[in-house]
N, C-alpha and C. Protein backbone atom coordinates (compact mmCIF):
# COMPACT_ATOMS: atom_id res chain seq x y z
N MET A 1 -15.36 -2.06 -0.74
CA MET A 1 -14.60 -1.95 0.48
C MET A 1 -15.38 -1.15 1.52
N SER A 2 -15.30 -1.57 2.74
CA SER A 2 -16.00 -0.89 3.81
C SER A 2 -15.24 0.34 4.28
N HIS A 3 -15.96 1.42 4.47
CA HIS A 3 -15.33 2.66 4.92
C HIS A 3 -14.95 2.59 6.40
N ASN A 4 -15.57 1.70 7.16
CA ASN A 4 -15.32 1.64 8.60
C ASN A 4 -14.31 0.58 8.99
N THR A 5 -13.92 -0.27 8.07
CA THR A 5 -12.98 -1.34 8.37
C THR A 5 -11.59 -0.75 8.60
N ARG A 6 -10.95 -1.14 9.68
CA ARG A 6 -9.60 -0.67 9.98
C ARG A 6 -8.64 -1.83 9.86
N CYS A 7 -7.50 -1.56 9.26
CA CYS A 7 -6.46 -2.57 9.10
C CYS A 7 -5.29 -2.20 10.00
N PHE A 8 -4.68 -3.18 10.61
CA PHE A 8 -3.57 -2.91 11.51
C PHE A 8 -2.32 -3.59 11.00
N ALA A 9 -1.21 -2.91 11.13
CA ALA A 9 0.07 -3.46 10.69
C ALA A 9 0.53 -4.53 11.66
N PRO A 10 1.37 -5.44 11.19
CA PRO A 10 1.92 -6.46 12.08
C PRO A 10 2.65 -5.86 13.28
N GLU A 11 3.40 -4.79 13.05
CA GLU A 11 4.11 -4.12 14.14
C GLU A 11 3.39 -2.80 14.39
N GLN A 12 2.29 -2.88 15.11
CA GLN A 12 1.44 -1.70 15.32
C GLN A 12 2.21 -0.56 15.96
N LYS A 13 2.16 0.59 15.33
CA LYS A 13 2.83 1.79 15.82
C LYS A 13 1.82 2.85 16.21
N GLY A 14 0.57 2.47 16.43
CA GLY A 14 -0.44 3.43 16.81
C GLY A 14 -1.22 4.00 15.64
N PHE A 15 -0.98 3.50 14.42
CA PHE A 15 -1.74 3.96 13.26
C PHE A 15 -2.76 2.88 12.91
N SER A 16 -3.88 3.29 12.39
CA SER A 16 -4.81 2.35 11.77
C SER A 16 -5.35 2.99 10.52
N PHE A 17 -5.40 2.22 9.45
CA PHE A 17 -5.84 2.73 8.16
C PHE A 17 -6.98 1.87 7.63
N SER A 18 -7.88 2.51 6.91
CA SER A 18 -8.98 1.78 6.28
C SER A 18 -8.48 1.01 5.07
N GLU A 19 -9.29 0.11 4.59
CA GLU A 19 -8.95 -0.63 3.37
C GLU A 19 -8.75 0.34 2.21
N ASN A 20 -9.58 1.38 2.15
CA ASN A 20 -9.45 2.37 1.07
C ASN A 20 -8.13 3.14 1.18
N GLU A 21 -7.71 3.45 2.38
CA GLU A 21 -6.44 4.14 2.58
C GLU A 21 -5.27 3.24 2.18
N ILE A 22 -5.36 1.97 2.53
CA ILE A 22 -4.33 1.00 2.15
C ILE A 22 -4.27 0.90 0.63
N ALA A 23 -5.41 0.92 -0.03
CA ALA A 23 -5.43 0.86 -1.50
C ALA A 23 -4.71 2.07 -2.09
N VAL A 24 -4.93 3.26 -1.51
CA VAL A 24 -4.22 4.46 -1.97
C VAL A 24 -2.72 4.28 -1.77
N LEU A 25 -2.32 3.78 -0.62
CA LEU A 25 -0.89 3.56 -0.35
C LEU A 25 -0.27 2.63 -1.38
N ARG A 26 -0.94 1.55 -1.67
CA ARG A 26 -0.39 0.57 -2.63
C ARG A 26 -0.22 1.18 -4.01
N LEU A 27 -1.21 1.97 -4.41
CA LEU A 27 -1.12 2.59 -5.74
C LEU A 27 -0.06 3.69 -5.77
N LEU A 28 0.09 4.44 -4.68
CA LEU A 28 1.18 5.42 -4.59
C LEU A 28 2.52 4.70 -4.70
N ALA A 29 2.64 3.58 -4.01
CA ALA A 29 3.89 2.81 -4.03
C ALA A 29 4.18 2.27 -5.44
N ASP A 30 3.12 2.05 -6.21
CA ASP A 30 3.29 1.59 -7.59
C ASP A 30 3.62 2.74 -8.53
N GLY A 31 3.71 3.95 -8.00
CA GLY A 31 4.08 5.10 -8.82
C GLY A 31 2.92 5.80 -9.50
N LYS A 32 1.71 5.47 -9.09
CA LYS A 32 0.53 6.10 -9.70
C LYS A 32 0.38 7.53 -9.20
N ARG A 33 -0.14 8.38 -10.07
CA ARG A 33 -0.46 9.77 -9.71
C ARG A 33 -1.86 9.81 -9.11
N GLU A 34 -2.16 10.91 -8.41
CA GLU A 34 -3.45 11.02 -7.74
C GLU A 34 -4.62 10.82 -8.69
N ALA A 35 -4.55 11.41 -9.88
CA ALA A 35 -5.65 11.28 -10.85
C ALA A 35 -5.82 9.83 -11.29
N GLN A 36 -4.72 9.12 -11.47
CA GLN A 36 -4.78 7.70 -11.85
C GLN A 36 -5.40 6.87 -10.72
N ILE A 37 -5.01 7.20 -9.49
CA ILE A 37 -5.55 6.48 -8.33
C ILE A 37 -7.05 6.71 -8.22
N ALA A 38 -7.47 7.96 -8.36
CA ALA A 38 -8.89 8.29 -8.28
C ALA A 38 -9.67 7.53 -9.36
N ASP A 39 -9.14 7.50 -10.55
CA ASP A 39 -9.81 6.80 -11.64
C ASP A 39 -9.90 5.31 -11.35
N GLN A 40 -8.81 4.73 -10.88
CA GLN A 40 -8.78 3.29 -10.61
C GLN A 40 -9.70 2.91 -9.46
N LEU A 41 -9.78 3.76 -8.43
CA LEU A 41 -10.62 3.45 -7.27
C LEU A 41 -12.06 3.94 -7.43
N GLY A 42 -12.31 4.71 -8.49
CA GLY A 42 -13.67 5.19 -8.72
C GLY A 42 -14.10 6.27 -7.74
N CYS A 43 -13.17 7.15 -7.40
CA CYS A 43 -13.49 8.23 -6.47
C CYS A 43 -12.93 9.54 -7.02
N LYS A 44 -13.16 10.61 -6.31
CA LYS A 44 -12.65 11.92 -6.73
C LYS A 44 -11.20 12.08 -6.29
N ILE A 45 -10.47 12.91 -7.02
CA ILE A 45 -9.08 13.18 -6.67
C ILE A 45 -8.99 13.80 -5.28
N GLU A 46 -10.00 14.58 -4.90
CA GLU A 46 -10.03 15.18 -3.56
C GLU A 46 -10.09 14.11 -2.48
N THR A 47 -10.77 13.01 -2.78
CA THR A 47 -10.86 11.89 -1.83
C THR A 47 -9.50 11.24 -1.66
N VAL A 48 -8.79 11.06 -2.77
CA VAL A 48 -7.44 10.48 -2.72
C VAL A 48 -6.54 11.39 -1.87
N ARG A 49 -6.61 12.69 -2.12
CA ARG A 49 -5.79 13.64 -1.36
C ARG A 49 -6.15 13.61 0.12
N ALA A 50 -7.43 13.55 0.43
CA ALA A 50 -7.86 13.52 1.83
C ALA A 50 -7.34 12.26 2.53
N ARG A 51 -7.40 11.14 1.85
CA ARG A 51 -6.89 9.88 2.44
C ARG A 51 -5.39 9.97 2.67
N ARG A 52 -4.67 10.48 1.67
CA ARG A 52 -3.22 10.62 1.81
C ARG A 52 -2.88 11.60 2.92
N ASN A 53 -3.58 12.71 2.99
CA ASN A 53 -3.32 13.70 4.04
C ASN A 53 -3.61 13.15 5.43
N ARG A 54 -4.67 12.36 5.56
CA ARG A 54 -4.99 11.76 6.85
C ARG A 54 -3.90 10.80 7.29
N MET A 55 -3.40 10.00 6.35
CA MET A 55 -2.34 9.05 6.68
C MET A 55 -1.04 9.79 7.01
N SER A 56 -0.76 10.85 6.29
CA SER A 56 0.45 11.65 6.58
C SER A 56 0.36 12.26 7.97
N ALA A 57 -0.81 12.79 8.31
CA ALA A 57 -1.00 13.38 9.63
C ALA A 57 -0.87 12.33 10.73
N ALA A 58 -1.45 11.15 10.50
CA ALA A 58 -1.42 10.08 11.50
C ALA A 58 0.00 9.58 11.76
N THR A 59 0.82 9.57 10.71
CA THR A 59 2.17 9.03 10.84
C THR A 59 3.22 10.11 11.10
N GLY A 60 2.84 11.38 10.86
CA GLY A 60 3.80 12.47 10.99
C GLY A 60 4.68 12.64 9.77
N ALA A 61 4.32 11.96 8.68
CA ALA A 61 5.11 12.03 7.45
C ALA A 61 5.00 13.43 6.83
N LYS A 62 6.11 13.93 6.35
CA LYS A 62 6.16 15.27 5.74
C LYS A 62 6.12 15.23 4.22
N SER A 63 6.20 14.03 3.64
CA SER A 63 6.17 13.88 2.19
C SER A 63 5.60 12.50 1.86
N VAL A 64 5.24 12.33 0.60
CA VAL A 64 4.74 11.02 0.15
C VAL A 64 5.85 9.97 0.30
N ALA A 65 7.08 10.35 -0.03
CA ALA A 65 8.20 9.41 0.10
C ALA A 65 8.36 8.95 1.55
N GLN A 66 8.26 9.88 2.49
CA GLN A 66 8.39 9.52 3.90
C GLN A 66 7.21 8.66 4.34
N LEU A 67 6.01 8.99 3.89
CA LEU A 67 4.83 8.19 4.22
C LEU A 67 5.02 6.76 3.72
N LEU A 68 5.44 6.61 2.47
CA LEU A 68 5.64 5.26 1.93
C LEU A 68 6.73 4.51 2.66
N SER A 69 7.78 5.19 3.06
CA SER A 69 8.85 4.55 3.82
C SER A 69 8.34 4.05 5.16
N LEU A 70 7.59 4.90 5.86
CA LEU A 70 7.06 4.51 7.18
C LEU A 70 6.10 3.33 7.08
N VAL A 71 5.19 3.38 6.13
CA VAL A 71 4.21 2.30 6.05
C VAL A 71 4.82 1.00 5.55
N THR A 72 5.86 1.10 4.72
CA THR A 72 6.56 -0.10 4.28
C THR A 72 7.32 -0.74 5.43
N LYS A 73 8.04 0.08 6.19
CA LYS A 73 8.81 -0.43 7.34
C LYS A 73 7.92 -1.05 8.39
N ASN A 74 6.69 -0.57 8.50
CA ASN A 74 5.77 -1.05 9.52
C ASN A 74 4.78 -2.09 9.02
N GLY A 75 4.99 -2.57 7.80
CA GLY A 75 4.22 -3.71 7.29
C GLY A 75 2.85 -3.42 6.75
N TYR A 76 2.51 -2.19 6.44
CA TYR A 76 1.20 -1.88 5.89
C TYR A 76 1.09 -2.27 4.43
N ILE A 77 2.20 -2.14 3.70
CA ILE A 77 2.19 -2.52 2.28
C ILE A 77 3.42 -3.35 2.00
């Protein structure tokens, strides 16, 4: 996956996420823990946290549940 590729939701709300960030979202939505996500994506747990934190900051989400709700409603996953 390209680190520079940006994906846009059908109903763009001003957020853009990389393919890697979308992969983290999908795995979070599947109930995976950060360590499981890192293992599956072949990256460090710190990378998973950084991606999640960036998406939370971009959306204003205060929790993983809120982040998943926002991205689901806006068509990212």
